[in-house]
Amino acid sequence: IAGNFRIHALISVLAIIAISIYYMMDIKVDNDLLGYFKPKSEIRVKSKKLQKELTGSQNFFIVLTAKEDGAFKKVVNLKKIAAIQDFIAKNKSFDTSLSIANQISLVNREMNSGNKDMYKIPDEDKLIPQYLLMFSSDDIERYVTSDFKNANIIVRHSLSSSFTQKVALTELQEFIDKTIEDSGIKAKYTSESI
């Protein structure tokens, strides 16, 4: 009888361990503070309204660092920034983004009689320094360093779930890595919220 009991106890313990491991695979770590409140609670309703009116209640930064000074005065690198921003714009996880590419695209459009199709990075490197003359250093210092070796993309979002944020950032990082591959540019995220 003692031998049977030991076998049954061992089988029971192994079954409990197997079931525990199976359910542990579904555990998702998340620190979504708003998720603790009911969807119709005052704080969730006000937060949703704030997100709609301010296009994202949180932000993070994508800092791009090149090897040489003046890298972000080059069309090829500005187009990489624009491509990253296009990806962000198409991704439902993020609300909006801003960078030096927006500023250059805006000037390019206006230099072409306000033609909406010209809201893009021009194809000629020689135009970039001319367009930059339109800005004071205060206008662009949040987007690029004075040596144009570092660029900053400001991304606004409303992701309060750390799990959802991690998935979105991983997808974005994969796109960034492909976009800057073999360019000598490095990218990193920075913010208090990520």
C-alpha atoms as a PDB file:
ATOM      1  CA  ILE A   1       0.000   0.000   0.000  1.00  0.00           C
ATOM      2  CA  ALA A   2       2.843   2.387   0.863  1.00  0.00           C
ATOM      3  CA  GLY A   3       4.394   1.792  -2.596  1.00  0.00           C
ATOM      4  CA  ASN A   4       1.070   2.586  -4.340  1.00  0.00           C
ATOM      5  CA  PHE A   5       0.672   5.745  -2.292  1.00  0.00           C
ATOM      6  CA  ARG A   6       4.129   6.962  -3.283  1.00  0.00           C
ATOM      7  CA  ILE A   7       3.439   6.316  -6.955  1.00  0.00           C
ATOM      8  CA  HIS A   8       0.058   8.131  -6.782  1.00  0.00           C
ATOM      9  CA  ALA A   9       1.633  11.017  -4.864  1.00  0.00           C
ATOM     10  CA  LEU A  10       4.455  11.274  -7.398  1.00  0.00           C
ATOM     11  CA  ILE A  11       2.009  11.197 -10.330  1.00  0.00           C
ATOM     12  CA  SER A  12      -0.156  13.851  -8.640  1.00  0.00           C
ATOM     13  CA  VAL A  13       2.822  16.124  -7.985  1.00  0.00           C
ATOM     14  CA  LEU A  14       4.073  15.713 -11.576  1.00  0.00           C
ATOM     15  CA  ALA A  15       0.570  16.459 -12.919  1.00  0.00           C
ATOM     16  CA  ILE A  16       0.339  19.621 -10.805  1.00  0.00           C
ATOM     17  CA  ILE A  17       3.789  20.716 -12.002  1.00  0.00           C
ATOM     18  CA  ALA A  18       2.893  20.036 -15.654  1.00  0.00           C
ATOM     19  CA  ILE A  19      -0.398  21.974 -15.359  1.00  0.00           C
ATOM     20  CA  SER A  20       1.395  24.852 -13.617  1.00  0.00           C
ATOM     21  CA  ILE A  21       4.046  25.044 -16.326  1.00  0.00           C
ATOM     22  CA  TYR A  22       1.362  24.962 -19.034  1.00  0.00           C
ATOM     23  CA  TYR A  23      -0.519  27.912 -17.495  1.00  0.00           C
ATOM     24  CA  MET A  24       2.680  29.833 -16.696  1.00  0.00           C
ATOM     25  CA  MET A  25       3.297  30.111 -20.439  1.00  0.00           C
ATOM     26  CA  ASP A  26       0.230  32.381 -20.690  1.00  0.00           C
ATOM     27  CA  ILE A  27       1.365  34.825 -17.999  1.00  0.00           C
ATOM     28  CA  LYS A  28       2.039  38.297 -19.401  1.00  0.00           C
ATOM     29  CA  VAL A  29       3.811  40.845 -17.278  1.00  0.00           C
ATOM     30  CA  ASP A  30       2.113  44.212 -17.634  1.00  0.00           C
ATOM     31  CA  ASN A  31       2.117  47.420 -15.635  1.00  0.00           C
ATOM     32  CA  ASP A  32      -0.861  49.098 -17.285  1.00  0.00           C
ATOM     33  CA  LEU A  33      -2.122  51.273 -14.435  1.00  0.00           C
ATOM     34  CA  LEU A  34      -5.208  52.364 -16.386  1.00  0.00           C
ATOM     35  CA  GLY A  35      -6.068  48.702 -16.968  1.00  0.00           C
ATOM     36  CA  TYR A  36      -6.904  48.370 -13.288  1.00  0.00           C
ATOM     37  CA  PHE A  37      -9.862  50.713 -13.725  1.00  0.00           C
ATOM     38  CA  LYS A  38     -13.165  49.772 -15.338  1.00  0.00           C
ATOM     39  CA  PRO A  39     -13.535  51.007 -18.946  1.00  0.00           C
ATOM     40  CA  LYS A  40     -16.314  53.423 -17.963  1.00  0.00           C
ATOM     41  CA  SER A  41     -14.543  54.796 -14.896  1.00  0.00           C
ATOM     42  CA  GLU A  42     -13.947  58.544 -14.820  1.00  0.00           C
ATOM     43  CA  ILE A  43     -10.177  58.244 -15.065  1.00  0.00           C
ATOM     44  CA  ARG A  44     -10.341  55.958 -18.152  1.00  0.00           C
ATOM     45  CA  VAL A  45     -12.918  58.187 -19.870  1.00  0.00           C
ATOM     46  CA  LYS A  46     -10.854  61.339 -19.225  1.00  0.00           C
ATOM     47  CA  SER A  47      -7.659  59.606 -20.301  1.00  0.00           C
ATOM     48  CA  LYS A  48      -9.262  58.529 -23.577  1.00  0.00           C
ATOM     49  CA  LYS A  49     -10.500  62.080 -24.198  1.00  0.00           C
ATOM     50  CA  LEU A  50      -7.028  63.467 -23.474  1.00  0.00           C
ATOM     51  CA  GLN A  51      -5.470  60.966 -25.891  1.00  0.00           C
ATOM     52  CA  LYS A  52      -7.844  62.029 -28.669  1.00  0.00           C
ATOM     53  CA  GLU A  53      -7.301  65.749 -28.151  1.00  0.00           C
ATOM     54  CA  LEU A  54      -3.524  65.699 -27.647  1.00  0.00           C
ATOM     55  CA  THR A  55      -2.536  62.909 -30.062  1.00  0.00           C
ATOM     56  CA  GLY A  56      -0.857  60.745 -27.512  1.00  0.00           C
ATOM     57  CA  SER A  57      -0.499  61.305 -23.829  1.00  0.00           C
ATOM     58  CA  GLN A  58       3.028  59.864 -23.709  1.00  0.00           C
ATOM     59  CA  ASN A  59       6.135  60.128 -25.817  1.00  0.00           C
ATOM     60  CA  PHE A  60       9.483  58.516 -26.416  1.00  0.00           C
ATOM     61  CA  PHE A  61      12.467  59.395 -28.530  1.00  0.00           C
ATOM     62  CA  ILE A  62      14.359  57.520 -31.198  1.00  0.00           C
ATOM     63  CA  VAL A  63      17.923  58.799 -31.091  1.00  0.00           C
ATOM     64  CA  LEU A  64      19.901  58.152 -34.263  1.00  0.00           C
ATOM     65  CA  THR A  65      23.692  58.491 -34.062  1.00  0.00           C
ATOM     66  CA  ALA A  66      25.935  58.556 -37.121  1.00  0.00           C
ATOM     67  CA  LYS A  67      29.692  58.092 -37.300  1.00  0.00           C
ATOM     68  CA  GLU A  68      30.484  61.408 -38.999  1.00  0.00           C
ATOM     69  CA  ASP A  69      29.549  65.037 -38.497  1.00  0.00           C
ATOM     70  CA  GLY A  70      26.988  66.374 -40.961  1.00  0.00           C
ATOM     71  CA  ALA A  71      25.417  62.954 -41.563  1.00  0.00           C
ATOM     72  CA  PHE A  72      21.900  64.297 -41.077  1.00  0.00           C
ATOM     73  CA  LYS A  73      22.430  67.016 -43.672  1.00  0.00           C
ATOM     74  CA  LYS A  74      22.580  64.261 -46.292  1.00  0.00           C
ATOM     75  CA  VAL A  75      19.488  63.351 -48.277  1.00  0.00           C
ATOM     76  CA  VAL A  76      20.108  59.612 -47.933  1.00  0.00           C
ATOM     77  CA  ASN A  77      19.997  59.800 -44.109  1.00  0.00           C
ATOM     78  CA  LEU A  78      17.082  62.239 -43.996  1.00  0.00           C
ATOM     79  CA  LYS A  79      15.155  59.809 -46.186  1.00  0.00           C
ATOM     80  CA  LYS A  80      15.897  57.066 -43.650  1.00  0.00           C
ATOM     81  CA  ILE A  81      14.352  59.245 -40.940  1.00  0.00           C
ATOM     82  CA  ALA A  82      11.348  59.911 -43.187  1.00  0.00           C
ATOM     83  CA  ALA A  83      10.959  56.162 -43.845  1.00  0.00           C
ATOM     84  CA  ILE A  84      10.953  55.450 -40.109  1.00  0.00           C
ATOM     85  CA  GLN A  85       8.319  58.152 -39.631  1.00  0.00           C
ATOM     86  CA  ASP A  86       6.209  56.723 -42.463  1.00  0.00           C
ATOM     87  CA  PHE A  87       6.292  53.362 -40.693  1.00  0.00           C
ATOM     88  CA  ILE A  88       5.254  55.033 -37.436  1.00  0.00           C
ATOM     89  CA  ALA A  89       2.400  56.863 -39.196  1.00  0.00           C
ATOM     90  CA  LYS A  90       1.060  53.609 -40.662  1.00  0.00           C
ATOM     91  CA  ASN A  91       1.397  51.716 -37.377  1.00  0.00           C
ATOM     92  CA  LYS A  92      -1.784  51.941 -35.300  1.00  0.00           C
ATOM     93  CA  SER A  93       0.204  51.676 -32.062  1.00  0.00           C
ATOM     94  CA  PHE A  94       1.663  55.177 -32.357  1.00  0.00           C
ATOM     95  CA  ASP A  95      -0.086  58.512 -32.837  1.00  0.00           C
ATOM     96  CA  THR A  96       2.418  60.834 -34.493  1.00  0.00           C
ATOM     97  CA  SER A  97       6.099  61.680 -34.822  1.00  0.00           C
ATOM     98  CA  LEU A  98       8.260  64.741 -35.455  1.00  0.00           C
ATOM     99  CA  SER A  99      11.835  65.141 -36.658  1.00  0.00           C
ATOM    100  CA  ILE A 100      14.183  67.238 -38.768  1.00  0.00           C
ATOM    101  CA  ALA A 101      12.748  65.390 -41.784  1.00  0.00           C
ATOM    102  CA  ASN A 102       9.373  67.072 -41.169  1.00  0.00           C
ATOM    103  CA  GLN A 103      10.998  70.485 -41.092  1.00  0.00           C
ATOM    104  CA  ILE A 104      12.963  69.906 -44.310  1.00  0.00           C
ATOM    105  CA  SER A 105       9.873  68.452 -46.036  1.00  0.00           C
ATOM    106  CA  LEU A 106       7.825  71.484 -45.020  1.00  0.00           C
ATOM    107  CA  VAL A 107      10.358  73.922 -46.472  1.00  0.00           C
ATOM    108  CA  ASN A 108      10.634  71.797 -49.637  1.00  0.00           C
ATOM    109  CA  ARG A 109       6.856  71.962 -50.101  1.00  0.00           C
ATOM    110  CA  GLU A 110       6.791  75.728 -49.627  1.00  0.00           C
ATOM    111  CA  MET A 111       9.734  76.259 -51.982  1.00  0.00           C
ATOM    112  CA  ASN A 112       7.663  74.434 -54.583  1.00  0.00           C
ATOM    113  CA  SER A 113       4.623  76.746 -54.422  1.00  0.00           C
ATOM    114  CA  GLY A 114       2.940  74.808 -51.613  1.00  0.00           C
ATOM    115  CA  ASN A 115       2.515  71.705 -53.800  1.00  0.00           C
ATOM    116  CA  LYS A 116       1.342  68.957 -51.413  1.00  0.00           C
ATOM    117  CA  ASP A 117       3.193  66.323 -53.440  1.00  0.00           C
ATOM    118  CA  MET A 118       6.457  68.083 -52.596  1.00  0.00           C
ATOM    119  CA  TYR A 119       6.105  67.493 -48.848  1.00  0.00           C
ATOM    120  CA  LYS A 120       9.119  65.193 -48.903  1.00  0.00           C
ATOM    121  CA  ILE A 121      12.882  65.216 -48.587  1.00  0.00           C
ATOM    122  CA  PRO A 122      14.355  66.723 -51.773  1.00  0.00           C
ATOM    123  CA  ASP A 123      16.600  64.551 -53.928  1.00  0.00           C
ATOM    124  CA  GLU A 124      19.597  66.913 -53.918  1.00  0.00           C
ATOM    125  CA  ASP A 125      22.034  67.250 -51.012  1.00  0.00           C
ATOM    126  CA  LYS A 126      22.820  70.848 -51.980  1.00  0.00           C
ATOM    127  CA  LEU A 127      19.274  71.957 -51.066  1.00  0.00           C
ATOM    128  CA  ILE A 128      19.499  70.832 -47.432  1.00  0.00           C
ATOM    129  CA  PRO A 129      21.926  73.544 -46.195  1.00  0.00           C
ATOM    130  CA  GLN A 130      19.839  76.146 -48.028  1.00  0.00           C
ATOM    131  CA  TYR A 131      16.635  74.916 -46.389  1.00  0.00           C
ATOM    132  CA  LEU A 132      18.313  74.857 -42.985  1.00  0.00           C
ATOM    133  CA  LEU A 133      18.934  78.605 -43.308  1.00  0.00           C
ATOM    134  CA  MET A 134      15.185  79.015 -42.764  1.00  0.00           C
ATOM    135  CA  PHE A 135      15.546  77.845 -39.160  1.00  0.00           C
ATOM    136  CA  SER A 136      17.216  79.221 -36.082  1.00  0.00           C
ATOM    137  CA  SER A 137      19.132  76.769 -33.942  1.00  0.00           C
ATOM    138  CA  ASP A 138      16.284  76.981 -31.398  1.00  0.00           C
ATOM    139  CA  ASP A 139      13.844  75.720 -34.041  1.00  0.00           C
ATOM    140  CA  ILE A 140      15.704  72.488 -34.716  1.00  0.00           C
ATOM    141  CA  GLU A 141      17.759  71.767 -31.587  1.00  0.00           C
ATOM    142  CA  ARG A 142      15.214  69.219 -30.353  1.00  0.00           C
ATOM    143  CA  TYR A 143      15.550  67.293 -33.621  1.00  0.00           C
ATOM    144  CA  VAL A 144      19.263  67.399 -34.428  1.00  0.00           C
ATOM    145  CA  THR A 145      22.548  68.289 -32.748  1.00  0.00           C
ATOM    146  CA  SER A 146      24.532  71.274 -34.008  1.00  0.00           C
ATOM    147  CA  ASP A 147      27.074  68.970 -35.691  1.00  0.00           C
ATOM    148  CA  PHE A 148      24.250  67.019 -37.413  1.00  0.00           C
ATOM    149  CA  LYS A 149      25.742  63.773 -36.125  1.00  0.00           C
ATOM    150  CA  ASN A 150      22.711  62.924 -33.951  1.00  0.00           C
ATOM    151  CA  ALA A 151      19.058  63.126 -34.894  1.00  0.00           C
ATOM    152  CA  ASN A 152      15.989  62.713 -32.726  1.00  0.00           C
ATOM    153  CA  ILE A 153      12.540  61.475 -33.699  1.00  0.00           C
ATOM    154  CA  ILE A 154       9.870  62.386 -31.160  1.00  0.00           C
ATOM    155  CA  VAL A 155       7.121  59.752 -31.103  1.00  0.00           C
ATOM    156  CA  ARG A 156       3.790  60.401 -29.391  1.00  0.00           C
ATOM    157  CA  HIS A 157       1.641  57.451 -28.327  1.00  0.00           C
ATOM    158  CA  SER A 158      -1.133  56.406 -25.991  1.00  0.00           C
ATOM    159  CA  LEU A 159       0.116  52.942 -25.067  1.00  0.00           C
ATOM    160  CA  SER A 160      -0.350  52.425 -21.351  1.00  0.00           C
ATOM    161  CA  SER A 161       0.183  48.666 -21.373  1.00  0.00           C
ATOM    162  CA  SER A 162       3.846  47.711 -21.050  1.00  0.00           C
ATOM    163  CA  PHE A 163       3.141  44.423 -22.844  1.00  0.00           C
ATOM    164  CA  THR A 164       1.526  46.163 -25.848  1.00  0.00           C
ATOM    165  CA  GLN A 165       4.286  48.774 -25.802  1.00  0.00           C
ATOM    166  CA  LYS A 166       6.986  46.091 -25.896  1.00  0.00           C
ATOM    167  CA  VAL A 167       5.365  44.388 -28.887  1.00  0.00           C
ATOM    168  CA  ALA A 168       5.033  47.715 -30.767  1.00  0.00           C
ATOM    169  CA  LEU A 169       8.605  48.780 -29.968  1.00  0.00           C
ATOM    170  CA  THR A 170       9.997  45.403 -31.051  1.00  0.00           C
ATOM    171  CA  GLU A 171       8.200  45.707 -34.389  1.00  0.00           C
ATOM    172  CA  LEU A 172       9.448  49.283 -34.796  1.00  0.00           C
ATOM    173  CA  GLN A 173      13.012  48.271 -33.882  1.00  0.00           C
ATOM    174  CA  GLU A 174      12.985  45.557 -36.543  1.00  0.00           C
ATOM    175  CA  PHE A 175      11.963  48.142 -39.152  1.00  0.00           C
ATOM    176  CA  ILE A 176      14.572  50.647 -37.949  1.00  0.00           C
ATOM    177  CA  ASP A 177      17.293  47.987 -38.060  1.00  0.00           C
ATOM    178  CA  LYS A 178      16.412  47.161 -41.684  1.00  0.00           C
ATOM    179  CA  THR A 179      16.241  50.847 -42.625  1.00  0.00           C
ATOM    180  CA  ILE A 180      19.632  51.814 -41.177  1.00  0.00           C
ATOM    181  CA  GLU A 181      21.394  48.558 -42.008  1.00  0.00           C
ATOM    182  CA  ASP A 182      24.928  49.084 -43.384  1.00  0.00           C
ATOM    183  CA  SER A 183      24.662  52.875 -42.957  1.00  0.00           C
ATOM    184  CA  GLY A 184      26.841  53.220 -39.868  1.00  0.00           C
ATOM    185  CA  ILE A 185      23.890  54.762 -38.011  1.00  0.00           C
ATOM    186  CA  LYS A 186      22.925  53.425 -34.590  1.00  0.00           C
ATOM    187  CA  ALA A 187      19.472  53.798 -33.032  1.00  0.00           C
ATOM    188  CA  LYS A 188      18.215  53.663 -29.466  1.00  0.00           C
ATOM    189  CA  TYR A 189      15.032  54.536 -27.606  1.00  0.00           C
ATOM    190  CA  THR A 190      14.938  56.878 -24.667  1.00  0.00           C
ATOM    191  CA  SER A 191      12.134  58.061 -22.389  1.00  0.00           C
ATOM    192  CA  GLU A 192      10.768  57.701 -18.902  1.00  0.00           C
ATOM    193  CA  SER A 193       7.764  55.780 -20.211  1.00  0.00           C
ATOM    194  CA  ILE A 194       9.632  52.883 -21.850  1.00  0.00           C
END
